Amino acid sequence: MRYTFAIGDIHGCIDPLNRMIDRIEAYAPEGTVVFLGDYIDRGPDSKSVLDRIIAGPSGPWRWICLKGNHEDMMVAAYADSDSRDVWISNGGLETEMSYDGRVLPQHLQWAADRPLLHVDRYRIFVHAGVVPEFPLKRQTRRDLLWLRFPPGESSDYWGKHLVHGHTPSLSNPVTTGNRTNIDSGCVFGGKLSCAVFDDEIAGGPIDFIEVRHELGRFGNG
């Protein structure tokens, strides 16, 4: 039996991330881990989070690291000064503080190179969402990084299960029809959540792994 583990928005919370990796590696001897983006901003340890994720897995594990809207904002802020204020006001200040100044060039390049989607036999993994009225290959960058789903919304998603983060709620993780949201608001006093999928079985998660963390503030995702 092989598993895929999908981890929601981390936002600079290194301790929950380290404990989540330990929990996943205790769950199975190998597998695939898909990080859904938003590694940085708002939380206190964005540099440590990127250091850990860029270092990669141990042993036979495979890690797939998607881009979130916060990585996209950070890259834009360093490429274009007109974009800087938007990023700083959305948690970029805390990220730069974690670096004692400017983000490392190699971390910016890593963030810029992240893919927007991961699709396997039974599931679609993305940071924010997709628009089912358009083919998967025609999804816009903005929708993949910024889309919000109304509560209760689901679709057939081309016969696959959709897995995303981006829209935080302390009641997540939640599966609604063919869609699972695993952004549990870790940086806002919630928890870091991971959805577990059996690679040989279609549909939603067979399990969730949750690591509690409290920081005591909330924002808009």
N, C-alpha and C. Protein backbone atom coordinates (compact mmCIF):
# COMPACT_ATOMS: atom_id res chain seq x y z
N MET A 1 0.84 -1.19 0.00
CA MET A 1 0.00 0.00 0.00
C MET A 1 0.88 1.24 0.00
N ARG A 2 0.61 2.17 -0.92
CA ARG A 2 1.37 3.41 -1.00
C ARG A 2 0.45 4.59 -0.74
N TYR A 3 1.00 5.61 -0.10
CA TYR A 3 0.20 6.75 0.31
C TYR A 3 0.76 8.04 -0.30
N THR A 4 -0.16 9.01 -0.48
CA THR A 4 0.21 10.39 -0.75
C THR A 4 -0.32 11.23 0.40
N PHE A 5 0.54 12.11 0.92
CA PHE A 5 0.20 12.98 2.04
C PHE A 5 0.21 14.42 1.52
N ALA A 6 -0.87 15.15 1.73
CA ALA A 6 -0.96 16.55 1.30
C ALA A 6 -1.00 17.45 2.52
N ILE A 7 -0.06 18.41 2.59
CA ILE A 7 0.08 19.30 3.74
C ILE A 7 -0.41 20.69 3.37
N GLY A 8 -1.24 21.27 4.23
CA GLY A 8 -1.81 22.59 3.99
C GLY A 8 -0.85 23.73 4.32
N ASP A 9 -1.38 24.94 4.36
CA ASP A 9 -0.61 26.17 4.49
C ASP A 9 0.20 26.20 5.81
N ILE A 10 1.50 26.46 5.69
CA ILE A 10 2.41 26.43 6.84
C ILE A 10 2.66 27.83 7.39
N HIS A 11 2.85 28.82 6.54
CA HIS A 11 3.00 30.22 6.93
C HIS A 11 4.02 30.45 8.05
N GLY A 12 5.23 29.95 7.83
CA GLY A 12 6.30 30.27 8.76
C GLY A 12 6.25 29.59 10.10
N CYS A 13 5.49 28.53 10.23
CA CYS A 13 5.36 27.81 11.51
C CYS A 13 6.25 26.57 11.48
N ILE A 14 7.50 26.71 11.87
CA ILE A 14 8.47 25.63 11.71
C ILE A 14 8.23 24.47 12.66
N ASP A 15 7.83 24.73 13.89
CA ASP A 15 7.64 23.63 14.83
C ASP A 15 6.52 22.68 14.39
N PRO A 16 5.34 23.17 14.02
CA PRO A 16 4.33 22.25 13.49
C PRO A 16 4.80 21.50 12.24
N LEU A 17 5.57 22.16 11.38
CA LEU A 17 6.06 21.47 10.19
C LEU A 17 6.98 20.32 10.56
N ASN A 18 7.93 20.56 11.45
CA ASN A 18 8.84 19.48 11.84
C ASN A 18 8.10 18.32 12.48
N ARG A 19 7.12 18.65 13.33
CA ARG A 19 6.36 17.57 13.96
C ARG A 19 5.49 16.84 12.95
N MET A 20 4.98 17.56 11.94
CA MET A 20 4.18 16.90 10.91
C MET A 20 5.03 15.94 10.09
N ILE A 21 6.23 16.36 9.73
CA ILE A 21 7.11 15.46 8.98
C ILE A 21 7.40 14.20 9.78
N ASP A 22 7.64 14.35 11.07
CA ASP A 22 7.86 13.18 11.94
C ASP A 22 6.64 12.27 11.96
N ARG A 23 5.46 12.86 12.05
CA ARG A 23 4.22 12.06 12.08
C ARG A 23 4.02 11.30 10.77
N ILE A 24 4.30 11.95 9.66
CA ILE A 24 4.14 11.30 8.36
C ILE A 24 5.12 10.14 8.22
N GLU A 25 6.37 10.36 8.60
CA GLU A 25 7.37 9.31 8.47
C GLU A 25 7.11 8.15 9.41
N ALA A 26 6.38 8.40 10.51
CA ALA A 26 5.98 7.32 11.40
C ALA A 26 4.76 6.56 10.85
N TYR A 27 4.00 7.21 9.96
CA TYR A 27 2.77 6.63 9.41
C TYR A 27 3.09 5.55 8.38
N ALA A 28 4.15 5.77 7.58
CA ALA A 28 4.49 4.85 6.51
C ALA A 28 6.00 4.91 6.26
N PRO A 29 6.60 3.83 5.73
CA PRO A 29 8.03 3.82 5.49
C PRO A 29 8.46 4.64 4.28
N GLU A 30 7.52 4.94 3.38
CA GLU A 30 7.81 5.74 2.20
C GLU A 30 6.51 6.24 1.61
N GLY A 31 6.61 7.15 0.64
CA GLY A 31 5.42 7.69 0.00
C GLY A 31 5.72 9.03 -0.63
N THR A 32 4.65 9.72 -1.02
CA THR A 32 4.75 11.04 -1.64
C THR A 32 4.13 12.07 -0.71
N VAL A 33 4.82 13.19 -0.53
CA VAL A 33 4.28 14.31 0.22
C VAL A 33 4.11 15.48 -0.73
N VAL A 34 2.88 16.01 -0.81
CA VAL A 34 2.60 17.19 -1.62
C VAL A 34 2.35 18.37 -0.68
N PHE A 35 3.22 19.37 -0.77
CA PHE A 35 3.03 20.61 -0.02
C PHE A 35 2.24 21.57 -0.89
N LEU A 36 1.16 22.13 -0.35
CA LEU A 36 0.23 22.92 -1.17
C LEU A 36 0.57 24.41 -1.23
N GLY A 37 1.76 24.79 -0.78
CA GLY A 37 2.18 26.18 -0.89
C GLY A 37 1.87 27.01 0.34
N ASP A 38 2.23 28.30 0.27
CA ASP A 38 2.17 29.22 1.40
C ASP A 38 3.04 28.72 2.56
N TYR A 39 4.32 28.59 2.26
CA TYR A 39 5.31 28.20 3.26
C TYR A 39 5.68 29.39 4.14
N ILE A 40 5.50 30.59 3.61
CA ILE A 40 6.05 31.80 4.20
C ILE A 40 4.96 32.77 4.65
N ASP A 41 5.41 33.88 5.27
CA ASP A 41 4.59 35.05 5.62
C ASP A 41 3.74 34.81 6.86
N ARG A 42 3.57 35.89 7.61
CA ARG A 42 2.74 35.98 8.81
C ARG A 42 3.36 35.29 10.02
N GLY A 43 3.81 34.07 9.89
CA GLY A 43 4.44 33.38 11.00
C GLY A 43 5.88 33.85 11.20
N PRO A 44 6.52 33.41 12.30
CA PRO A 44 7.82 33.97 12.67
C PRO A 44 9.03 33.33 12.02
N ASP A 45 8.88 32.17 11.39
CA ASP A 45 10.07 31.39 11.00
C ASP A 45 10.04 30.97 9.53
N SER A 46 9.71 31.91 8.64
CA SER A 46 9.63 31.56 7.22
C SER A 46 10.96 31.05 6.68
N LYS A 47 12.07 31.66 7.07
CA LYS A 47 13.37 31.19 6.58
C LYS A 47 13.62 29.75 7.01
N SER A 48 13.30 29.42 8.25
CA SER A 48 13.51 28.05 8.74
C SER A 48 12.63 27.07 7.98
N VAL A 49 11.41 27.48 7.67
CA VAL A 49 10.51 26.61 6.91
C VAL A 49 11.09 26.33 5.52
N LEU A 50 11.54 27.38 4.83
CA LEU A 50 12.12 27.16 3.51
C LEU A 50 13.41 26.36 3.59
N ASP A 51 14.24 26.62 4.58
CA ASP A 51 15.45 25.82 4.76
C ASP A 51 15.11 24.33 4.87
N ARG A 52 14.09 24.03 5.67
CA ARG A 52 13.72 22.62 5.90
C ARG A 52 13.16 21.99 4.64
N ILE A 53 12.27 22.68 3.96
CA ILE A 53 11.63 22.08 2.79
C ILE A 53 12.61 21.95 1.63
N ILE A 54 13.44 22.97 1.43
CA ILE A 54 14.43 22.90 0.35
C ILE A 54 15.44 21.78 0.61
N ALA A 55 15.75 21.51 1.86
CA ALA A 55 16.67 20.42 2.20
C ALA A 55 16.14 19.07 1.73
N GLY A 56 14.81 18.93 1.65
CA GLY A 56 14.21 17.74 1.09
C GLY A 56 14.07 16.59 2.08
N PRO A 57 13.51 15.48 1.60
CA PRO A 57 13.20 14.35 2.47
C PRO A 57 14.41 13.45 2.70
N SER A 58 14.27 12.59 3.68
CA SER A 58 15.26 11.54 3.92
C SER A 58 14.73 10.23 3.36
N GLY A 59 15.65 9.33 3.03
CA GLY A 59 15.25 8.01 2.58
C GLY A 59 14.50 8.02 1.26
N PRO A 60 13.52 7.11 1.13
CA PRO A 60 12.86 6.92 -0.17
C PRO A 60 11.69 7.86 -0.44
N TRP A 61 11.49 8.86 0.39
CA TRP A 61 10.34 9.74 0.24
C TRP A 61 10.47 10.65 -0.98
N ARG A 62 9.34 11.00 -1.56
CA ARG A 62 9.27 11.97 -2.66
C ARG A 62 8.48 13.17 -2.20
N TRP A 63 9.05 14.36 -2.33
CA TRP A 63 8.37 15.60 -1.97
C TRP A 63 8.06 16.40 -3.23
N ILE A 64 6.83 16.91 -3.32
CA ILE A 64 6.39 17.80 -4.39
C ILE A 64 5.94 19.10 -3.74
N CYS A 65 6.56 20.21 -4.11
CA CYS A 65 6.29 21.49 -3.44
C CYS A 65 5.65 22.45 -4.43
N LEU A 66 4.37 22.74 -4.23
CA LEU A 66 3.64 23.64 -5.10
C LEU A 66 3.83 25.10 -4.67
N LYS A 67 3.50 25.99 -5.58
CA LYS A 67 3.57 27.43 -5.27
C LYS A 67 2.25 27.90 -4.70
N GLY A 68 2.33 28.74 -3.67
CA GLY A 68 1.15 29.41 -3.13
C GLY A 68 1.15 30.88 -3.52
N ASN A 69 0.06 31.56 -3.24
CA ASN A 69 -0.01 32.98 -3.59
C ASN A 69 1.00 33.82 -2.82
N HIS A 70 1.39 33.37 -1.63
CA HIS A 70 2.37 34.15 -0.86
C HIS A 70 3.77 34.02 -1.45
N GLU A 71 4.14 32.85 -1.94
CA GLU A 71 5.42 32.75 -2.65
C GLU A 71 5.39 33.60 -3.91
N ASP A 72 4.25 33.60 -4.59
CA ASP A 72 4.13 34.41 -5.81
C ASP A 72 4.27 35.90 -5.50
N MET A 73 3.66 36.35 -4.40
CA MET A 73 3.79 37.75 -4.00
C MET A 73 5.23 38.10 -3.65
N MET A 74 5.91 37.19 -2.95
CA MET A 74 7.29 37.45 -2.57
C MET A 74 8.18 37.59 -3.80
N VAL A 75 8.05 36.68 -4.73
CA VAL A 75 8.87 36.75 -5.94
C VAL A 75 8.59 38.04 -6.70
N ALA A 76 7.32 38.42 -6.79
CA ALA A 76 6.96 39.66 -7.49
C ALA A 76 7.53 40.88 -6.78
N ALA A 77 7.54 40.85 -5.44
CA ALA A 77 8.03 41.99 -4.68
C ALA A 77 9.51 42.25 -4.93
N TYR A 78 10.28 41.18 -5.12
CA TYR A 78 11.71 41.35 -5.38
C TYR A 78 12.00 41.63 -6.85
N ALA A 79 11.06 41.32 -7.73
CA ALA A 79 11.25 41.59 -9.15
C ALA A 79 10.76 42.97 -9.55
N ASP A 80 9.81 43.52 -8.77
CA ASP A 80 9.16 44.77 -9.14
C ASP A 80 8.82 45.54 -7.87
N SER A 81 9.44 46.68 -7.67
CA SER A 81 9.24 47.43 -6.43
C SER A 81 7.79 47.87 -6.25
N ASP A 82 7.04 48.00 -7.33
CA ASP A 82 5.64 48.38 -7.22
C ASP A 82 4.81 47.31 -6.51
N SER A 83 5.30 46.07 -6.49
CA SER A 83 4.57 44.97 -5.85
C SER A 83 4.96 44.77 -4.39
N ARG A 84 5.94 45.52 -3.93
CA ARG A 84 6.48 45.28 -2.60
C ARG A 84 5.48 45.58 -1.48
N ASP A 85 4.76 46.69 -1.58
CA ASP A 85 3.84 47.07 -0.52
C ASP A 85 2.75 46.03 -0.32
N VAL A 86 2.29 45.43 -1.41
CA VAL A 86 1.24 44.40 -1.31
C VAL A 86 1.74 43.21 -0.51
N TRP A 87 2.96 42.78 -0.81
CA TRP A 87 3.52 41.63 -0.10
C TRP A 87 3.80 41.96 1.37
N ILE A 88 4.42 43.10 1.62
CA ILE A 88 4.75 43.47 3.00
C ILE A 88 3.50 43.53 3.86
N SER A 89 2.42 44.05 3.32
CA SER A 89 1.18 44.18 4.09
C SER A 89 0.44 42.85 4.26
N ASN A 90 0.89 41.81 3.56
CA ASN A 90 0.28 40.49 3.67
C ASN A 90 1.20 39.47 4.32
N GLY A 91 2.07 39.93 5.20
CA GLY A 91 2.93 39.03 5.95
C GLY A 91 4.37 39.01 5.51
N GLY A 92 4.70 39.77 4.45
CA GLY A 92 6.08 39.79 3.98
C GLY A 92 7.05 40.39 4.98
N LEU A 93 6.56 41.31 5.82
CA LEU A 93 7.44 41.91 6.82
C LEU A 93 8.00 40.86 7.76
N GLU A 94 7.14 39.96 8.23
CA GLU A 94 7.59 38.89 9.12
C GLU A 94 8.59 37.97 8.41
N THR A 95 8.38 37.75 7.13
CA THR A 95 9.32 36.92 6.38
C THR A 95 10.69 37.57 6.33
N GLU A 96 10.74 38.84 5.98
CA GLU A 96 12.05 39.51 5.91
C GLU A 96 12.71 39.59 7.28
N MET A 97 11.92 39.74 8.33
CA MET A 97 12.50 39.73 9.68
C MET A 97 13.16 38.39 9.99
N SER A 98 12.58 37.31 9.50
CA SER A 98 13.16 35.99 9.75
C SER A 98 14.51 35.81 9.05
N TYR A 99 14.75 36.61 8.01
CA TYR A 99 16.02 36.59 7.30
C TYR A 99 16.98 37.69 7.80
N ASP A 100 16.57 38.45 8.79
CA ASP A 100 17.35 39.61 9.24
C ASP A 100 17.61 40.58 8.09
N GLY A 101 16.64 40.71 7.21
CA GLY A 101 16.80 41.63 6.07
C GLY A 101 16.18 41.08 4.81
N ARG A 102 16.99 40.83 3.80
CA ARG A 102 16.48 40.40 2.51
C ARG A 102 16.44 38.88 2.40
N VAL A 103 15.44 38.40 1.66
CA VAL A 103 15.32 36.97 1.40
C VAL A 103 16.49 36.50 0.54
N LEU A 104 17.01 35.33 0.85
CA LEU A 104 18.15 34.79 0.10
C LEU A 104 17.82 34.60 -1.37
N PRO A 105 18.72 34.95 -2.28
CA PRO A 105 18.44 34.78 -3.71
C PRO A 105 18.08 33.34 -4.08
N GLN A 106 18.73 32.37 -3.46
CA GLN A 106 18.43 30.98 -3.80
C GLN A 106 17.03 30.58 -3.33
N HIS A 107 16.55 31.19 -2.26
CA HIS A 107 15.19 30.91 -1.81
C HIS A 107 14.18 31.58 -2.74
N LEU A 108 14.49 32.76 -3.22
CA LEU A 108 13.61 33.41 -4.20
C LEU A 108 13.53 32.59 -5.47
N GLN A 109 14.66 32.09 -5.94
CA GLN A 109 14.65 31.29 -7.17
C GLN A 109 13.88 30.01 -6.99
N TRP A 110 14.06 29.35 -5.83
CA TRP A 110 13.31 28.13 -5.55
C TRP A 110 11.81 28.42 -5.57
N ALA A 111 11.40 29.50 -4.93
CA ALA A 111 9.98 29.86 -4.90
C ALA A 111 9.46 30.14 -6.31
N ALA A 112 10.25 30.85 -7.11
CA ALA A 112 9.83 31.18 -8.47
C ALA A 112 9.64 29.94 -9.32
N ASP A 113 10.40 28.89 -9.05
CA ASP A 113 10.38 27.68 -9.88
C ASP A 113 9.30 26.68 -9.49
N ARG A 114 8.53 26.96 -8.45
CA ARG A 114 7.53 25.98 -7.99
C ARG A 114 6.42 25.79 -9.03
N PRO A 115 5.95 24.55 -9.22
CA PRO A 115 4.80 24.30 -10.10
C PRO A 115 3.50 24.75 -9.45
N LEU A 116 2.48 24.96 -10.26
CA LEU A 116 1.17 25.40 -9.76
C LEU A 116 0.21 24.24 -9.52
N LEU A 117 0.48 23.09 -10.11
CA LEU A 117 -0.43 21.95 -10.02
C LEU A 117 0.37 20.65 -9.89
N HIS A 118 -0.24 19.68 -9.23
CA HIS A 118 0.23 18.30 -9.30
C HIS A 118 -0.99 17.42 -9.52
N VAL A 119 -0.95 16.60 -10.54
CA VAL A 119 -2.07 15.71 -10.87
C VAL A 119 -1.58 14.28 -10.88
N ASP A 120 -2.26 13.41 -10.13
CA ASP A 120 -1.92 12.00 -10.20
C ASP A 120 -3.12 11.22 -10.72
N ARG A 121 -3.12 9.94 -10.55
CA ARG A 121 -4.15 9.08 -11.15
C ARG A 121 -5.56 9.46 -10.70
N TYR A 122 -5.70 9.81 -9.44
CA TYR A 122 -7.04 10.02 -8.89
C TYR A 122 -7.29 11.43 -8.37
N ARG A 123 -6.26 12.29 -8.29
CA ARG A 123 -6.45 13.56 -7.61
C ARG A 123 -5.73 14.72 -8.29
N ILE A 124 -6.24 15.94 -8.01
CA ILE A 124 -5.62 17.19 -8.42
C ILE A 124 -5.23 17.94 -7.16
N PHE A 125 -3.97 18.33 -7.07
CA PHE A 125 -3.47 19.09 -5.94
C PHE A 125 -3.12 20.49 -6.43
N VAL A 126 -3.60 21.52 -5.70
CA VAL A 126 -3.39 22.90 -6.10
C VAL A 126 -3.46 23.77 -4.85
N HIS A 127 -2.85 24.94 -4.90
CA HIS A 127 -2.90 25.79 -3.70
C HIS A 127 -4.30 26.28 -3.40
N ALA A 128 -4.95 26.94 -4.37
CA ALA A 128 -6.22 27.63 -4.09
C ALA A 128 -7.42 26.91 -4.67
N GLY A 129 -7.40 26.58 -5.96
CA GLY A 129 -8.57 25.94 -6.56
C GLY A 129 -8.51 25.95 -8.07
N VAL A 130 -9.57 25.43 -8.66
CA VAL A 130 -9.72 25.39 -10.12
C VAL A 130 -11.14 25.82 -10.47
N VAL A 131 -11.33 26.20 -11.72
CA VAL A 131 -12.65 26.55 -12.24
C VAL A 131 -13.09 25.40 -13.15
N PRO A 132 -14.06 24.59 -12.72
CA PRO A 132 -14.40 23.37 -13.48
C PRO A 132 -15.04 23.64 -14.84
N GLU A 133 -15.50 24.88 -15.07
CA GLU A 133 -16.11 25.19 -16.37
C GLU A 133 -15.08 25.27 -17.49
N PHE A 134 -13.78 25.32 -17.14
CA PHE A 134 -12.72 25.38 -18.14
C PHE A 134 -11.84 24.15 -18.02
N PRO A 135 -11.26 23.67 -19.11
CA PRO A 135 -10.36 22.51 -19.03
C PRO A 135 -9.19 22.79 -18.10
N LEU A 136 -8.64 21.73 -17.54
CA LEU A 136 -7.55 21.89 -16.59
C LEU A 136 -6.37 22.64 -17.19
N LYS A 137 -6.10 22.41 -18.46
CA LYS A 137 -4.96 23.08 -19.11
C LYS A 137 -5.22 24.56 -19.37
N ARG A 138 -6.47 25.00 -19.19
CA ARG A 138 -6.80 26.40 -19.44
C ARG A 138 -7.05 27.19 -18.14
N GLN A 139 -6.71 26.62 -17.02
CA GLN A 139 -6.87 27.34 -15.76
C GLN A 139 -5.92 28.53 -15.72
N THR A 140 -6.38 29.64 -15.17
CA THR A 140 -5.52 30.81 -15.08
C THR A 140 -4.63 30.71 -13.85
N ARG A 141 -3.50 31.36 -13.95
CA ARG A 141 -2.58 31.42 -12.81
C ARG A 141 -3.27 32.02 -11.59
N ARG A 142 -4.06 33.07 -11.82
CA ARG A 142 -4.73 33.72 -10.69
C ARG A 142 -5.70 32.77 -9.99
N ASP A 143 -6.47 32.01 -10.75
CA ASP A 143 -7.40 31.08 -10.11
C ASP A 143 -6.66 30.00 -9.33
N LEU A 144 -5.59 29.46 -9.89
CA LEU A 144 -4.84 28.41 -9.20
C LEU A 144 -4.23 28.90 -7.89
N LEU A 145 -3.92 30.19 -7.82
CA LEU A 145 -3.26 30.75 -6.65
C LEU A 145 -4.19 31.50 -5.70
N TRP A 146 -5.34 31.99 -6.19
CA TRP A 146 -6.15 32.93 -5.41
C TRP A 146 -7.63 32.57 -5.28
N LEU A 147 -8.12 31.59 -5.98
CA LEU A 147 -9.55 31.28 -5.99
C LEU A 147 -10.08 30.95 -4.59
N ARG A 148 -11.31 31.41 -4.31
CA ARG A 148 -12.00 31.04 -3.07
C ARG A 148 -13.25 30.25 -3.44
N PHE A 149 -13.51 29.15 -2.72
CA PHE A 149 -14.72 28.38 -2.93
C PHE A 149 -15.81 28.81 -1.95
N PRO A 150 -17.03 29.05 -2.42
CA PRO A 150 -18.14 29.24 -1.48
C PRO A 150 -18.35 27.97 -0.65
N PRO A 151 -18.79 28.09 0.59
CA PRO A 151 -19.04 26.92 1.42
C PRO A 151 -19.98 25.94 0.73
N GLY A 152 -19.64 24.67 0.77
CA GLY A 152 -20.50 23.64 0.22
C GLY A 152 -20.33 23.38 -1.26
N GLU A 153 -19.49 24.14 -1.94
CA GLU A 153 -19.34 23.98 -3.38
C GLU A 153 -18.46 22.78 -3.73
N SER A 154 -18.88 22.02 -4.75
CA SER A 154 -18.08 20.92 -5.26
C SER A 154 -18.45 20.71 -6.72
N SER A 155 -17.68 19.89 -7.42
CA SER A 155 -17.94 19.59 -8.82
C SER A 155 -17.37 18.22 -9.12
N ASP A 156 -17.33 17.84 -10.42
CA ASP A 156 -16.77 16.52 -10.74
C ASP A 156 -15.26 16.58 -10.96
N TYR A 157 -14.71 17.77 -11.24
CA TYR A 157 -13.27 17.99 -11.39
C TYR A 157 -12.63 16.95 -12.31
N TRP A 158 -13.28 16.75 -13.45
CA TRP A 158 -12.75 15.85 -14.49
C TRP A 158 -12.52 14.44 -13.97
N GLY A 159 -13.39 14.00 -13.07
CA GLY A 159 -13.32 12.64 -12.54
C GLY A 159 -12.31 12.44 -11.43
N LYS A 160 -11.72 13.54 -10.93
CA LYS A 160 -10.71 13.43 -9.88
C LYS A 160 -11.17 14.16 -8.61
N HIS A 161 -10.46 13.91 -7.52
CA HIS A 161 -10.72 14.60 -6.26
C HIS A 161 -9.79 15.80 -6.16
N LEU A 162 -10.32 16.96 -5.81
CA LEU A 162 -9.55 18.19 -5.72
C LEU A 162 -9.07 18.40 -4.29
N VAL A 163 -7.77 18.68 -4.13
CA VAL A 163 -7.17 18.89 -2.82
C VAL A 163 -6.52 20.27 -2.83
N HIS A 164 -6.88 21.13 -1.87
CA HIS A 164 -6.36 22.50 -1.87
C HIS A 164 -6.25 23.03 -0.46
N GLY A 165 -5.60 24.20 -0.36
CA GLY A 165 -5.53 24.96 0.88
C GLY A 165 -6.06 26.35 0.63
N HIS A 166 -5.32 27.38 1.08
CA HIS A 166 -5.53 28.80 0.78
C HIS A 166 -6.67 29.46 1.55
N THR A 167 -7.79 28.77 1.72
CA THR A 167 -8.94 29.36 2.42
C THR A 167 -8.98 28.80 3.84
N PRO A 168 -8.49 29.59 4.83
CA PRO A 168 -8.32 29.03 6.17
C PRO A 168 -9.62 28.97 6.95
N SER A 169 -9.73 27.95 7.76
CA SER A 169 -10.83 27.84 8.71
C SER A 169 -10.38 26.93 9.84
N LEU A 170 -10.74 27.30 11.05
CA LEU A 170 -10.39 26.46 12.19
C LEU A 170 -11.18 25.16 12.18
N SER A 171 -12.22 25.06 11.34
CA SER A 171 -12.99 23.83 11.23
C SER A 171 -12.42 22.88 10.18
N ASN A 172 -11.45 23.33 9.40
CA ASN A 172 -10.81 22.44 8.43
C ASN A 172 -9.87 21.48 9.17
N PRO A 173 -9.54 20.33 8.57
CA PRO A 173 -9.81 19.92 7.20
C PRO A 173 -11.25 19.45 7.01
N VAL A 174 -11.79 19.76 5.83
CA VAL A 174 -13.16 19.41 5.50
C VAL A 174 -13.22 18.87 4.08
N THR A 175 -13.91 17.76 3.90
CA THR A 175 -14.19 17.24 2.57
C THR A 175 -15.63 17.55 2.20
N THR A 176 -15.82 18.21 1.06
CA THR A 176 -17.14 18.56 0.55
C THR A 176 -17.28 17.94 -0.83
N GLY A 177 -18.02 16.86 -0.94
CA GLY A 177 -18.15 16.19 -2.23
C GLY A 177 -16.80 15.70 -2.72
N ASN A 178 -16.38 16.23 -3.88
CA ASN A 178 -15.11 15.83 -4.48
C ASN A 178 -13.98 16.81 -4.18
N ARG A 179 -14.09 17.55 -3.10
CA ARG A 179 -13.11 18.59 -2.78
C ARG A 179 -12.74 18.55 -1.30
N THR A 180 -11.44 18.63 -1.01
CA THR A 180 -10.97 18.67 0.38
C THR A 180 -10.11 19.90 0.59
N ASN A 181 -10.45 20.71 1.59
CA ASN A 181 -9.70 21.90 1.99
C ASN A 181 -8.92 21.56 3.26
N ILE A 182 -7.59 21.69 3.19
CA ILE A 182 -6.77 21.32 4.36
C ILE A 182 -6.03 22.51 4.95
N ASP A 183 -6.49 23.73 4.66
CA ASP A 183 -5.91 24.90 5.34
C ASP A 183 -6.66 25.11 6.65
N SER A 184 -6.04 24.68 7.74
CA SER A 184 -6.68 24.73 9.06
C SER A 184 -6.23 25.93 9.89
N GLY A 185 -5.65 26.93 9.22
CA GLY A 185 -5.31 28.16 9.92
C GLY A 185 -4.23 28.00 10.97
N CYS A 186 -3.18 27.25 10.65
CA CYS A 186 -2.12 27.01 11.64
C CYS A 186 -1.57 28.32 12.21
N VAL A 187 -1.30 29.29 11.35
CA VAL A 187 -0.69 30.53 11.81
C VAL A 187 -1.68 31.43 12.55
N PHE A 188 -2.96 31.08 12.48
CA PHE A 188 -4.00 31.88 13.12
C PHE A 188 -4.54 31.23 14.39
N GLY A 189 -3.75 30.37 15.00
CA GLY A 189 -4.17 29.71 16.22
C GLY A 189 -4.81 28.37 16.00
N GLY A 190 -4.81 27.88 14.74
CA GLY A 190 -5.39 26.58 14.43
C GLY A 190 -4.35 25.48 14.47
N LYS A 191 -4.41 24.60 13.48
CA LYS A 191 -3.50 23.46 13.44
C LYS A 191 -2.96 23.30 12.02
N LEU A 192 -1.87 22.59 11.89
CA LEU A 192 -1.36 22.19 10.58
C LEU A 192 -1.98 20.84 10.26
N SER A 193 -2.58 20.75 9.06
CA SER A 193 -3.30 19.54 8.70
C SER A 193 -2.69 18.87 7.48
N CYS A 194 -2.82 17.55 7.45
CA CYS A 194 -2.35 16.73 6.35
C CYS A 194 -3.45 15.73 6.00
N ALA A 195 -3.79 15.64 4.72
CA ALA A 195 -4.74 14.64 4.24
C ALA A 195 -3.97 13.44 3.71
N VAL A 196 -4.42 12.24 4.05
CA VAL A 196 -3.76 11.01 3.65
C VAL A 196 -4.61 10.32 2.59
N PHE A 197 -3.97 9.95 1.47
CA PHE A 197 -4.66 9.30 0.37
C PHE A 197 -3.99 7.97 0.05
N ASP A 198 -4.81 6.96 -0.21
CA ASP A 198 -4.31 5.68 -0.70
C ASP A 198 -4.14 5.81 -2.22
N ASP A 199 -2.93 5.59 -2.70
CA ASP A 199 -2.65 5.80 -4.12
C ASP A 199 -3.42 4.86 -5.03
N GLU A 200 -3.95 3.78 -4.49
CA GLU A 200 -4.67 2.81 -5.31
C GLU A 200 -6.18 2.95 -5.23
N ILE A 201 -6.66 3.92 -4.45
CA ILE A 201 -8.11 4.07 -4.24
C ILE A 201 -8.52 5.47 -4.64
N ALA A 202 -9.52 5.59 -5.50
CA ALA A 202 -10.02 6.90 -5.92
C ALA A 202 -10.79 7.56 -4.77
N GLY A 203 -10.95 8.89 -4.90
CA GLY A 203 -11.78 9.61 -3.94
C GLY A 203 -10.98 10.40 -2.92
N GLY A 204 -11.66 10.74 -1.84
CA GLY A 204 -11.12 11.63 -0.83
C GLY A 204 -10.16 10.96 0.13
N PRO A 205 -9.78 11.68 1.18
CA PRO A 205 -8.79 11.17 2.13
C PRO A 205 -9.30 9.94 2.88
N ILE A 206 -8.36 9.06 3.20
CA ILE A 206 -8.67 7.93 4.07
C ILE A 206 -8.37 8.27 5.52
N ASP A 207 -7.65 9.38 5.73
CA ASP A 207 -7.27 9.75 7.09
C ASP A 207 -6.77 11.20 7.08
N PHE A 208 -6.70 11.80 8.26
CA PHE A 208 -6.07 13.11 8.44
C PHE A 208 -5.05 13.02 9.57
N ILE A 209 -3.97 13.78 9.42
CA ILE A 209 -3.00 13.96 10.49
C ILE A 209 -3.03 15.43 10.87
N GLU A 210 -3.12 15.74 12.15
CA GLU A 210 -3.24 17.12 12.59
C GLU A 210 -2.23 17.41 13.70
N VAL A 211 -1.55 18.53 13.58
CA VAL A 211 -0.58 18.98 14.58
C VAL A 211 -1.06 20.33 15.10
N ARG A 212 -1.30 20.41 16.38
CA ARG A 212 -1.83 21.63 16.99
C ARG A 212 -0.75 22.69 17.13
N HIS A 213 -1.17 23.94 16.97
CA HIS A 213 -0.25 25.06 17.13
C HIS A 213 -1.09 26.29 17.44
N GLU A 214 -0.60 27.12 18.33
CA GLU A 214 -1.33 28.34 18.66
C GLU A 214 -0.42 29.54 18.49
N LEU A 215 -0.94 30.56 17.78
CA LEU A 215 -0.23 31.82 17.65
C LEU A 215 -1.11 32.98 18.03
N GLY A 216 -2.44 32.81 17.83
CA GLY A 216 -3.37 33.76 18.41
C GLY A 216 -3.71 34.98 17.58
N ARG A 217 -3.71 34.84 16.23
CA ARG A 217 -4.23 35.93 15.43
C ARG A 217 -4.78 35.37 14.13
N PHE A 218 -5.58 36.16 13.45
CA PHE A 218 -6.24 35.68 12.24
C PHE A 218 -6.08 36.70 11.13
N GLY A 219 -6.16 36.23 9.91
CA GLY A 219 -6.03 37.10 8.74
C GLY A 219 -6.90 36.61 7.60
N ASN A 220 -6.51 36.94 6.35
CA ASN A 220 -7.41 36.63 5.24
C ASN A 220 -6.84 35.65 4.24
N GLY A 221 -5.87 34.83 4.63
CA GLY A 221 -5.45 33.71 3.81
C GLY A 221 -4.36 34.05 2.83
